[in-house]
Amino acid sequence: MESTALTHVGTYRRRVRAAAARIWENVLDWEHLPWLHRTTFRDVRLLEARRDGWRVSTGLQSAGAGARIGIETRLEQSKSRYLTLTTDGPGQGTEIWTQLERAAEGATDIEVRFLVPAVPPERVASIGDAYVRLYTRLWDEDEGMMMRRTEMLARRPASPVTARAATTLDLGDVESVRSRLPLLLELDGRRYRLVDVGGELVAHGTTCPHLLGPLEEAIIADGCLRCPWHGYRFDVRTGRGIERPDLQLDVPRVQIDPRTLRVTITAAPLAGSPGWCET
């Protein structure tokens, strides 16, 4: 229930190109805040996780290095809405209510109401405009992630893939290959990026095994690739997850023939449906 002690400063409406299931998934995903929304949030620390929401402490990019705010989400899925509440710091007591309504197949209409405490009448319009601008950017970023998730999940095999032997592809002579780096290619129906890491040619899958994030342009530093959605890192040579050792990035074998100097890439044997983690 919305508080009557707050001032309604504005409302944001849009049609999101994602089904409600993707939106609920996104709302519960607190980890993506400082990664997908890196221009807004500086970091995030989980305080409490529940089936119907969470509480976090986060730093805002627009605030000082030591300034933090508390944010809590409370889902009311039976009413197709959820609350985002500022529990601590600047704006404490602010309530943001988001109402969902199915619009069409794979699309959802949302209405976001901004309720802020202690707002002078002369500042209502400017504060409302600031919230609308902020939420336009946040939903642009969220929509892109949800659309990618929808697309990648639609590609998921309906049944386990029959195991088959590894496939090798000849990429050409090493000088020609290096001149084309970074190189995106497809092998066995899987997409890879070939890059130079410390003088060594290595390749990695372009789908994050966590939640199917895009790795086509992922930054590589100190031999580790970082997913832009949740910040998880992977050893680009072995595919091993750094923060999550249970996650394994698809890493094919790249070889240079010492006699012909031709480069080949060999995909790992496909014995199932790798890369579809849902946690």
C-alpha atoms as a PDB file:
ATOM      1  CA  MET A   1       0.000   0.000   0.000  1.00  0.00           C
ATOM      2  CA  GLU A   2       1.376   3.404  -0.991  1.00  0.00           C
ATOM      3  CA  SER A   3       2.119   5.802   1.861  1.00  0.00           C
ATOM      4  CA  THR A   4      -0.030   8.946   2.110  1.00  0.00           C
ATOM      5  CA  ALA A   5       2.899  10.858   3.698  1.00  0.00           C
ATOM      6  CA  LEU A   6       4.774  10.935   0.399  1.00  0.00           C
ATOM      7  CA  THR A   7       4.550  13.236  -2.604  1.00  0.00           C
ATOM      8  CA  HIS A   8       3.849  11.725  -6.016  1.00  0.00           C
ATOM      9  CA  VAL A   9       6.481  13.487  -8.141  1.00  0.00           C
ATOM     10  CA  GLY A  10       5.985  11.675 -11.425  1.00  0.00           C
ATOM     11  CA  THR A  11       5.024   8.548 -13.379  1.00  0.00           C
ATOM     12  CA  TYR A  12       6.994   6.647 -16.006  1.00  0.00           C
ATOM     13  CA  ARG A  13       5.266   4.411 -18.567  1.00  0.00           C
ATOM     14  CA  ARG A  14       6.626   2.231 -21.337  1.00  0.00           C
ATOM     15  CA  ARG A  15       6.127  -1.052 -23.172  1.00  0.00           C
ATOM     16  CA  VAL A  16       8.959  -3.456 -22.412  1.00  0.00           C
ATOM     17  CA  ARG A  17       9.860  -6.018 -25.073  1.00  0.00           C
ATOM     18  CA  ALA A  18       9.957  -8.874 -22.577  1.00  0.00           C
ATOM     19  CA  ALA A  19       7.423 -11.178 -20.976  1.00  0.00           C
ATOM     20  CA  ALA A  20       6.530 -10.786 -17.299  1.00  0.00           C
ATOM     21  CA  ALA A  21       8.555 -13.905 -16.415  1.00  0.00           C
ATOM     22  CA  ARG A  22      11.744 -12.188 -17.589  1.00  0.00           C
ATOM     23  CA  ILE A  23      10.840  -9.011 -15.692  1.00  0.00           C
ATOM     24  CA  TRP A  24      10.255 -10.863 -12.404  1.00  0.00           C
ATOM     25  CA  GLU A  25      13.562 -12.652 -12.930  1.00  0.00           C
ATOM     26  CA  ASN A  26      15.244  -9.299 -13.523  1.00  0.00           C
ATOM     27  CA  VAL A  27      13.687  -7.695 -10.428  1.00  0.00           C
ATOM     28  CA  LEU A  28      15.039 -10.473  -8.193  1.00  0.00           C
ATOM     29  CA  ASP A  29      18.503 -10.175  -9.732  1.00  0.00           C
ATOM     30  CA  TRP A  30      20.251  -7.731  -7.381  1.00  0.00           C
ATOM     31  CA  GLU A  31      23.737  -8.776  -8.580  1.00  0.00           C
ATOM     32  CA  HIS A  32      23.511  -6.979 -11.911  1.00  0.00           C
ATOM     33  CA  LEU A  33      23.106  -3.486 -10.422  1.00  0.00           C
ATOM     34  CA  PRO A  34      26.766  -2.274 -10.531  1.00  0.00           C
ATOM     35  CA  TRP A  35      27.542  -4.130 -13.775  1.00  0.00           C
ATOM     36  CA  LEU A  36      24.632  -3.714 -16.173  1.00  0.00           C
ATOM     37  CA  HIS A  37      23.839  -0.339 -14.543  1.00  0.00           C
ATOM     38  CA  ARG A  38      27.440   0.715 -14.006  1.00  0.00           C
ATOM     39  CA  THR A  39      26.757   4.389 -14.785  1.00  0.00           C
ATOM     40  CA  THR A  40      24.288   4.495 -11.864  1.00  0.00           C
ATOM     41  CA  PHE A  41      25.561   2.091  -9.201  1.00  0.00           C
ATOM     42  CA  ARG A  42      29.146   1.861  -7.952  1.00  0.00           C
ATOM     43  CA  ASP A  43      28.907  -1.424  -6.046  1.00  0.00           C
ATOM     44  CA  VAL A  44      26.406  -3.584  -4.176  1.00  0.00           C
ATOM     45  CA  ARG A  45      26.393  -5.609  -0.943  1.00  0.00           C
ATOM     46  CA  LEU A  46      23.626  -8.072  -0.194  1.00  0.00           C
ATOM     47  CA  LEU A  47      22.008  -7.703   3.236  1.00  0.00           C
ATOM     48  CA  GLU A  48      19.067 -10.082   2.877  1.00  0.00           C
ATOM     49  CA  ALA A  49      17.673 -12.343   0.162  1.00  0.00           C
ATOM     50  CA  ARG A  50      14.090 -13.645   0.189  1.00  0.00           C
ATOM     51  CA  ARG A  51      11.865 -15.440  -2.297  1.00  0.00           C
ATOM     52  CA  ASP A  52       9.833 -12.246  -2.645  1.00  0.00           C
ATOM     53  CA  GLY A  53      12.657  -9.694  -2.677  1.00  0.00           C
ATOM     54  CA  TRP A  54      15.965  -8.536  -1.218  1.00  0.00           C
ATOM     55  CA  ARG A  55      17.775  -5.783   0.684  1.00  0.00           C
ATOM     56  CA  VAL A  56      21.123  -4.346  -0.395  1.00  0.00           C
ATOM     57  CA  SER A  57      23.537  -1.546   0.407  1.00  0.00           C
ATOM     58  CA  THR A  58      24.838   0.253  -2.667  1.00  0.00           C
ATOM     59  CA  GLY A  59      26.984   3.210  -3.621  1.00  0.00           C
ATOM     60  CA  LEU A  60      25.744   5.624  -6.266  1.00  0.00           C
ATOM     61  CA  GLN A  61      28.065   6.965  -8.955  1.00  0.00           C
ATOM     62  CA  SER A  62      26.561  10.435  -8.457  1.00  0.00           C
ATOM     63  CA  ALA A  63      27.376  10.480  -4.724  1.00  0.00           C
ATOM     64  CA  GLY A  64      30.653  10.693  -2.808  1.00  0.00           C
ATOM     65  CA  ALA A  65      32.865   7.637  -2.429  1.00  0.00           C
ATOM     66  CA  GLY A  66      31.651   6.986   1.117  1.00  0.00           C
ATOM     67  CA  ALA A  67      27.965   7.712   0.526  1.00  0.00           C
ATOM     68  CA  ARG A  68      25.678   4.684   0.489  1.00  0.00           C
ATOM     69  CA  ILE A  69      21.967   4.028   0.330  1.00  0.00           C
ATOM     70  CA  GLY A  70      19.883   1.025   1.306  1.00  0.00           C
ATOM     71  CA  ILE A  71      17.450  -0.426  -1.215  1.00  0.00           C
ATOM     72  CA  GLU A  72      14.788  -3.056  -0.648  1.00  0.00           C
ATOM     73  CA  THR A  73      12.474  -4.757  -3.124  1.00  0.00           C
ATOM     74  CA  ARG A  74       9.166  -6.341  -2.181  1.00  0.00           C
ATOM     75  CA  LEU A  75       7.320  -8.351  -4.806  1.00  0.00           C
ATOM     76  CA  GLU A  76       3.529  -8.634  -4.904  1.00  0.00           C
ATOM     77  CA  GLN A  77       3.202 -10.948  -7.888  1.00  0.00           C
ATOM     78  CA  SER A  78      -0.457 -11.720  -7.152  1.00  0.00           C
ATOM     79  CA  LYS A  79      -1.108  -8.023  -7.835  1.00  0.00           C
ATOM     80  CA  SER A  80       1.422  -7.823 -10.699  1.00  0.00           C
ATOM     81  CA  ARG A  81       3.449  -5.144  -8.962  1.00  0.00           C
ATOM     82  CA  TYR A  82       6.510  -4.590  -6.815  1.00  0.00           C
ATOM     83  CA  LEU A  83       7.919  -1.932  -4.495  1.00  0.00           C
ATOM     84  CA  THR A  84      11.430  -0.504  -4.506  1.00  0.00           C
ATOM     85  CA  LEU A  85      12.036   1.205  -1.163  1.00  0.00           C
ATOM     86  CA  THR A  86      14.950   3.408  -0.094  1.00  0.00           C
ATOM     87  CA  THR A  87      15.623   2.223   3.461  1.00  0.00           C
ATOM     88  CA  ASP A  88      18.758   4.247   4.337  1.00  0.00           C
ATOM     89  CA  GLY A  89      20.763   7.252   3.188  1.00  0.00           C
ATOM     90  CA  PRO A  90      19.738  10.064   0.823  1.00  0.00           C
ATOM     91  CA  GLY A  91      16.100   9.751  -0.170  1.00  0.00           C
ATOM     92  CA  GLN A  92      15.264   7.480   2.757  1.00  0.00           C
ATOM     93  CA  GLY A  93      11.585   6.596   2.700  1.00  0.00           C
ATOM     94  CA  THR A  94      11.202   6.971  -1.070  1.00  0.00           C
ATOM     95  CA  GLU A  95       8.790   4.419  -2.555  1.00  0.00           C
ATOM     96  CA  ILE A  96       8.808   3.432  -6.206  1.00  0.00           C
ATOM     97  CA  TRP A  97       5.884   1.259  -7.255  1.00  0.00           C
ATOM     98  CA  THR A  98       6.016  -0.637 -10.545  1.00  0.00           C
ATOM     99  CA  GLN A  99       2.829  -2.122 -11.992  1.00  0.00           C
ATOM    100  CA  LEU A 100       3.003  -4.762 -14.744  1.00  0.00           C
ATOM    101  CA  GLU A 101       0.352  -5.538 -17.343  1.00  0.00           C
ATOM    102  CA  ARG A 102       0.621  -8.071 -20.142  1.00  0.00           C
ATOM    103  CA  ALA A 103       0.557  -6.173 -23.443  1.00  0.00           C
ATOM    104  CA  ALA A 104       1.133  -8.777 -26.133  1.00  0.00           C
ATOM    105  CA  GLU A 105       3.063 -11.965 -26.692  1.00  0.00           C
ATOM    106  CA  GLY A 106       6.527 -11.301 -25.289  1.00  0.00           C
ATOM    107  CA  ALA A 107       5.753  -7.725 -24.220  1.00  0.00           C
ATOM    108  CA  THR A 108       4.699  -6.056 -20.958  1.00  0.00           C
ATOM    109  CA  ASP A 109       3.387  -2.593 -20.178  1.00  0.00           C
ATOM    110  CA  ILE A 110       4.805  -1.021 -17.030  1.00  0.00           C
ATOM    111  CA  GLU A 111       3.775   1.988 -14.986  1.00  0.00           C
ATOM    112  CA  VAL A 112       6.261   3.315 -12.422  1.00  0.00           C
ATOM    113  CA  ARG A 113       5.097   5.784  -9.739  1.00  0.00           C
ATOM    114  CA  PHE A 114       7.675   7.826  -7.811  1.00  0.00           C
ATOM    115  CA  LEU A 115       6.705   8.783  -4.242  1.00  0.00           C
ATOM    116  CA  VAL A 116       9.239  10.928  -2.391  1.00  0.00           C
ATOM    117  CA  PRO A 117       9.197  12.346   1.178  1.00  0.00           C
ATOM    118  CA  ALA A 118       9.584  16.024   2.094  1.00  0.00           C
ATOM    119  CA  VAL A 119       9.443  17.544  -1.387  1.00  0.00           C
ATOM    120  CA  PRO A 120       8.820  21.331  -1.611  1.00  0.00           C
ATOM    121  CA  PRO A 121       6.072  22.080  -4.156  1.00  0.00           C
ATOM    122  CA  GLU A 122       8.460  24.060  -6.364  1.00  0.00           C
ATOM    123  CA  ARG A 123      10.739  21.006  -6.750  1.00  0.00           C
ATOM    124  CA  VAL A 124       8.118  18.374  -7.608  1.00  0.00           C
ATOM    125  CA  ALA A 125       8.472  18.740 -11.385  1.00  0.00           C
ATOM    126  CA  SER A 126      12.288  18.761 -11.464  1.00  0.00           C
ATOM    127  CA  ILE A 127      12.595  15.746  -9.134  1.00  0.00           C
ATOM    128  CA  GLY A 128       9.978  13.884 -11.158  1.00  0.00           C
ATOM    129  CA  ASP A 129      11.832  14.624 -14.403  1.00  0.00           C
ATOM    130  CA  ALA A 130      15.084  13.347 -12.870  1.00  0.00           C
ATOM    131  CA  TYR A 131      13.444  10.069 -11.867  1.00  0.00           C
ATOM    132  CA  VAL A 132      11.921   9.622 -15.321  1.00  0.00           C
ATOM    133  CA  ARG A 133      15.309  10.172 -16.984  1.00  0.00           C
ATOM    134  CA  LEU A 134      16.964   7.718 -14.587  1.00  0.00           C
ATOM    135  CA  TYR A 135      14.356   5.023 -15.088  1.00  0.00           C
ATOM    136  CA  THR A 136      14.390   5.461 -18.857  1.00  0.00           C
ATOM    137  CA  ARG A 137      18.098   4.591 -18.821  1.00  0.00           C
ATOM    138  CA  LEU A 138      17.709   1.733 -16.323  1.00  0.00           C
ATOM    139  CA  TRP A 139      14.870   0.148 -18.276  1.00  0.00           C
ATOM    140  CA  ASP A 140      16.736   0.573 -21.579  1.00  0.00           C
ATOM    141  CA  GLU A 141      19.588  -1.440 -20.052  1.00  0.00           C
ATOM    142  CA  ASP A 142      17.290  -4.006 -18.428  1.00  0.00           C
ATOM    143  CA  GLU A 143      15.281  -4.458 -21.609  1.00  0.00           C
ATOM    144  CA  GLY A 144      18.441  -5.241 -23.589  1.00  0.00           C
ATOM    145  CA  MET A 145      19.424  -7.922 -21.076  1.00  0.00           C
ATOM    146  CA  MET A 146      15.944  -9.450 -20.985  1.00  0.00           C
ATOM    147  CA  MET A 147      15.690  -9.533 -24.773  1.00  0.00           C
ATOM    148  CA  ARG A 148      19.055 -11.313 -25.002  1.00  0.00           C
ATOM    149  CA  ARG A 149      17.942 -13.805 -22.330  1.00  0.00           C
ATOM    150  CA  THR A 150      14.713 -14.472 -24.221  1.00  0.00           C
ATOM    151  CA  GLU A 151      16.582 -15.032 -27.478  1.00  0.00           C
ATOM    152  CA  MET A 152      19.195 -17.333 -25.945  1.00  0.00           C
ATOM    153  CA  LEU A 153      16.645 -19.381 -23.995  1.00  0.00           C
ATOM    154  CA  ALA A 154      14.648 -19.876 -27.190  1.00  0.00           C
ATOM    155  CA  ARG A 155      17.734 -21.494 -28.737  1.00  0.00           C
ATOM    156  CA  ARG A 156      18.077 -23.975 -25.886  1.00  0.00           C
ATOM    157  CA  PRO A 157      17.581 -27.552 -27.121  1.00  0.00           C
ATOM    158  CA  ALA A 158      14.310 -29.093 -26.003  1.00  0.00           C
ATOM    159  CA  SER A 159      16.154 -32.338 -25.217  1.00  0.00           C
ATOM    160  CA  PRO A 160      19.778 -33.268 -24.442  1.00  0.00           C
ATOM    161  CA  VAL A 161      22.116 -32.992 -27.420  1.00  0.00           C
ATOM    162  CA  THR A 162      23.507 -36.275 -28.699  1.00  0.00           C
ATOM    163  CA  ALA A 163      27.215 -36.547 -27.931  1.00  0.00           C
ATOM    164  CA  ARG A 164      29.498 -36.214 -30.909  1.00  0.00           C
ATOM    165  CA  ALA A 165      33.207 -35.982 -31.570  1.00  0.00           C
ATOM    166  CA  ALA A 166      35.169 -32.771 -31.499  1.00  0.00           C
ATOM    167  CA  THR A 167      35.268 -30.662 -34.670  1.00  0.00           C
ATOM    168  CA  THR A 168      38.381 -28.881 -35.966  1.00  0.00           C
ATOM    169  CA  LEU A 169      38.413 -25.802 -38.194  1.00  0.00           C
ATOM    170  CA  ASP A 170      41.443 -24.496 -40.136  1.00  0.00           C
ATOM    171  CA  LEU A 171      41.598 -20.698 -39.776  1.00  0.00           C
ATOM    172  CA  GLY A 172      44.561 -20.066 -42.087  1.00  0.00           C
ATOM    173  CA  ASP A 173      48.165 -18.981 -41.589  1.00  0.00           C
ATOM    174  CA  VAL A 174      49.066 -17.360 -38.288  1.00  0.00           C
ATOM    175  CA  GLU A 175      49.944 -13.914 -39.721  1.00  0.00           C
ATOM    176  CA  SER A 176      46.618 -13.701 -41.544  1.00  0.00           C
ATOM    177  CA  VAL A 177      44.736 -14.797 -38.438  1.00  0.00           C
ATOM    178  CA  ARG A 178      46.485 -12.262 -36.200  1.00  0.00           C
ATOM    179  CA  SER A 179      45.651  -9.465 -38.637  1.00  0.00           C
ATOM    180  CA  ARG A 180      41.940 -10.211 -38.134  1.00  0.00           C
ATOM    181  CA  LEU A 181      41.867 -10.288 -34.330  1.00  0.00           C
ATOM    182  CA  PRO A 182      39.633 -10.212 -32.450  1.00  0.00           C
ATOM    183  CA  LEU A 183      37.912 -12.786 -34.646  1.00  0.00           C
ATOM    184  CA  LEU A 184      34.346 -14.017 -34.165  1.00  0.00           C
ATOM    185  CA  LEU A 185      33.603 -17.427 -35.618  1.00  0.00           C
ATOM    186  CA  GLU A 186      31.145 -20.301 -35.382  1.00  0.00           C
ATOM    187  CA  LEU A 187      31.984 -23.946 -34.859  1.00  0.00           C
ATOM    188  CA  ASP A 188      29.548 -26.798 -34.178  1.00  0.00           C
ATOM    189  CA  GLY A 189      26.761 -24.245 -33.915  1.00  0.00           C
ATOM    190  CA  ARG A 190      28.583 -22.414 -31.114  1.00  0.00           C
ATOM    191  CA  ARG A 191      30.030 -18.917 -31.359  1.00  0.00           C
ATOM    192  CA  TYR A 192      33.593 -18.146 -30.256  1.00  0.00           C
ATOM    193  CA  ARG A 193      35.914 -15.167 -30.102  1.00  0.00           C
ATOM    194  CA  LEU A 194      39.593 -15.642 -30.944  1.00  0.00           C
ATOM    195  CA  VAL A 195      41.920 -13.172 -29.200  1.00  0.00           C
ATOM    196  CA  ASP A 196      45.563 -12.606 -28.317  1.00  0.00           C
ATOM    197  CA  VAL A 197      46.312 -12.956 -24.609  1.00  0.00           C
ATOM    198  CA  GLY A 198      49.922 -12.213 -23.717  1.00  0.00           C
ATOM    199  CA  GLY A 199      51.093 -13.250 -27.166  1.00  0.00           C
ATOM    200  CA  GLU A 200      49.098 -16.497 -27.128  1.00  0.00           C
ATOM    201  CA  LEU A 201      46.109 -17.148 -29.379  1.00  0.00           C
ATOM    202  CA  VAL A 202      43.154 -18.300 -27.281  1.00  0.00           C
ATOM    203  CA  ALA A 203      39.439 -18.643 -27.952  1.00  0.00           C
ATOM    204  CA  HIS A 204      36.390 -18.560 -25.710  1.00  0.00           C
ATOM    205  CA  GLY A 205      32.641 -19.004 -26.010  1.00  0.00           C
ATOM    206  CA  THR A 206      30.614 -15.827 -26.424  1.00  0.00           C
ATOM    207  CA  THR A 207      27.842 -16.880 -24.029  1.00  0.00           C
ATOM    208  CA  CYS A 208      28.321 -16.602 -20.267  1.00  0.00           C
ATOM    209  CA  PRO A 209      27.492 -19.917 -18.546  1.00  0.00           C
ATOM    210  CA  HIS A 210      25.841 -18.027 -15.674  1.00  0.00           C
ATOM    211  CA  LEU A 211      22.781 -16.350 -17.228  1.00  0.00           C
ATOM    212  CA  LEU A 212      23.724 -16.351 -20.928  1.00  0.00           C
ATOM    213  CA  GLY A 213      25.310 -12.903 -20.929  1.00  0.00           C
ATOM    214  CA  PRO A 214      27.090 -11.517 -24.029  1.00  0.00           C
ATOM    215  CA  LEU A 215      30.859 -12.056 -24.125  1.00  0.00           C
ATOM    216  CA  GLU A 216      31.535 -10.964 -27.720  1.00  0.00           C
ATOM    217  CA  GLU A 217      33.203  -7.764 -26.485  1.00  0.00           C
ATOM    218  CA  ALA A 218      34.000  -8.771 -22.905  1.00  0.00           C
ATOM    219  CA  ILE A 219      37.081  -7.136 -21.400  1.00  0.00           C
ATOM    220  CA  ILE A 220      40.066  -9.424 -20.726  1.00  0.00           C
ATOM    221  CA  ALA A 221      42.533  -8.412 -18.003  1.00  0.00           C
ATOM    222  CA  ASP A 222      45.247 -10.487 -16.317  1.00  0.00           C
ATOM    223  CA  GLY A 223      44.155 -13.522 -18.289  1.00  0.00           C
ATOM    224  CA  CYS A 224      40.560 -13.285 -17.076  1.00  0.00           C
ATOM    225  CA  LEU A 225      37.425 -12.391 -18.987  1.00  0.00           C
ATOM    226  CA  ARG A 226      34.646 -10.534 -17.151  1.00  0.00           C
ATOM    227  CA  CYS A 227      30.946 -10.781 -18.001  1.00  0.00           C
ATOM    228  CA  PRO A 228      29.362  -7.317 -18.392  1.00  0.00           C
ATOM    229  CA  TRP A 229      26.075  -8.381 -16.794  1.00  0.00           C
ATOM    230  CA  HIS A 230      27.134  -9.672 -13.369  1.00  0.00           C
ATOM    231  CA  GLY A 231      30.895  -9.203 -13.250  1.00  0.00           C
ATOM    232  CA  TYR A 232      31.742 -12.910 -13.014  1.00  0.00           C
ATOM    233  CA  ARG A 233      35.283 -13.661 -14.215  1.00  0.00           C
ATOM    234  CA  PHE A 234      36.605 -16.671 -16.110  1.00  0.00           C
ATOM    235  CA  ASP A 235      40.138 -17.831 -16.819  1.00  0.00           C
ATOM    236  CA  VAL A 236      40.190 -17.326 -20.575  1.00  0.00           C
ATOM    237  CA  ARG A 237      42.687 -20.186 -21.088  1.00  0.00           C
ATOM    238  CA  THR A 238      40.909 -22.850 -19.030  1.00  0.00           C
ATOM    239  CA  GLY A 239      37.343 -21.509 -18.795  1.00  0.00           C
ATOM    240  CA  ARG A 240      37.325 -21.940 -15.012  1.00  0.00           C
ATOM    241  CA  GLY A 241      35.060 -19.565 -13.094  1.00  0.00           C
ATOM    242  CA  ILE A 242      36.978 -17.413 -10.601  1.00  0.00           C
ATOM    243  CA  GLU A 243      34.136 -16.364  -8.275  1.00  0.00           C
ATOM    244  CA  ARG A 244      32.039 -19.401  -9.201  1.00  0.00           C
ATOM    245  CA  PRO A 245      34.228 -22.484  -9.825  1.00  0.00           C
ATOM    246  CA  ASP A 246      31.030 -24.428 -10.596  1.00  0.00           C
ATOM    247  CA  LEU A 247      30.657 -22.341 -13.767  1.00  0.00           C
ATOM    248  CA  GLN A 248      32.711 -23.388 -16.777  1.00  0.00           C
ATOM    249  CA  LEU A 249      33.156 -21.221 -19.858  1.00  0.00           C
ATOM    250  CA  ASP A 250      33.274 -23.037 -23.198  1.00  0.00           C
ATOM    251  CA  VAL A 251      36.950 -22.882 -24.237  1.00  0.00           C
ATOM    252  CA  PRO A 252      38.077 -24.638 -27.455  1.00  0.00           C
ATOM    253  CA  ARG A 253      41.674 -25.666 -28.190  1.00  0.00           C
ATOM    254  CA  VAL A 254      43.713 -23.382 -30.464  1.00  0.00           C
ATOM    255  CA  GLN A 255      46.866 -24.798 -32.068  1.00  0.00           C
ATOM    256  CA  ILE A 256      49.540 -23.486 -34.425  1.00  0.00           C
ATOM    257  CA  ASP A 257      51.258 -26.127 -36.570  1.00  0.00           C
ATOM    258  CA  PRO A 258      55.018 -25.586 -36.056  1.00  0.00           C
ATOM    259  CA  ARG A 259      55.749 -26.644 -39.640  1.00  0.00           C
ATOM    260  CA  THR A 260      53.005 -24.930 -41.678  1.00  0.00           C
ATOM    261  CA  LEU A 261      52.208 -22.147 -39.174  1.00  0.00           C
ATOM    262  CA  ARG A 262      48.508 -22.717 -39.806  1.00  0.00           C
ATOM    263  CA  VAL A 263      46.040 -22.089 -36.999  1.00  0.00           C
ATOM    264  CA  THR A 264      43.332 -24.573 -36.107  1.00  0.00           C
ATOM    265  CA  ILE A 265      40.573 -24.417 -33.522  1.00  0.00           C
ATOM    266  CA  THR A 266      38.978 -27.528 -32.059  1.00  0.00           C
ATOM    267  CA  ALA A 267      35.680 -27.361 -30.205  1.00  0.00           C
ATOM    268  CA  ALA A 268      35.293 -29.425 -27.077  1.00  0.00           C
ATOM    269  CA  PRO A 269      33.211 -32.599 -27.608  1.00  0.00           C
ATOM    270  CA  LEU A 270      29.532 -31.752 -27.240  1.00  0.00           C
ATOM    271  CA  ALA A 271      27.981 -34.153 -24.748  1.00  0.00           C
ATOM    272  CA  GLY A 272      24.910 -32.265 -23.556  1.00  0.00           C
ATOM    273  CA  SER A 273      23.730 -28.670 -23.446  1.00  0.00           C
ATOM    274  CA  PRO A 274      26.514 -26.646 -21.813  1.00  0.00           C
ATOM    275  CA  GLY A 275      26.111 -23.053 -20.788  1.00  0.00           C
ATOM    276  CA  TRP A 276      22.528 -23.007 -19.575  1.00  0.00           C
ATOM    277  CA  CYS A 277      22.936 -22.308 -15.876  1.00  0.00           C
ATOM    278  CA  GLU A 278      19.822 -20.786 -14.315  1.00  0.00           C
ATOM    279  CA  THR A 279      21.196 -19.670 -10.947  1.00  0.00           C
END
